[in-house]
Amino acid sequence: MTRLVSLAIAASLAVPFTAHADTFDIHVGGICSTDFGTTLGHWAGETSVNAPIDQRDSMATATTQMAATLDQFCTGNNLCFVYVYSNGGAVMSRTLALFSTPWNIAYVAAAASNEGGSELGGTGFIAQIFGQCALAGHIGTS
């Protein structure tokens, strides 16, 4: 009997340990938002995450929160797909430029990204109508 137990233990140790990995879809909203609102969708085997990135006052704050979100979901054996909208594109670009953390990001998909600035931002009339937050005054095209 002990020989059988020893053989079972040896066999179990011979099987390589496989670490658990998850796939996350990270959704990042735009200027003057604190989240995406709702996620774009749900795909089988993937977990959608509405990233809590505060884009009302400071790009520095938003960038730090983006890095924390990526640290939480996109490290180790996990894989991330990141979906950004509007200023979320600028936040993601700034985060990737400032931090050298090896996140596991398959791709970043951007819609209406304002990485080069936005006509809705700045100090003009349009910013007053559409951007009722302090950060909107800092994302003009100049």
Foldseek 3Di string as FASTA:
>chain_A
DVVVVVVVVVVVVVDDDDDDEAEEEEEAEAAQDQWNVDDPDDDPRYHYDTQRAGRFADLVSSLVSVVVVLVVAFDDRYAYEYEYEACRVLSVVVNVVPDPDPGRYPYYHYDNYLNQFDPCAADDPNVVVPPPGNNRNVRHND
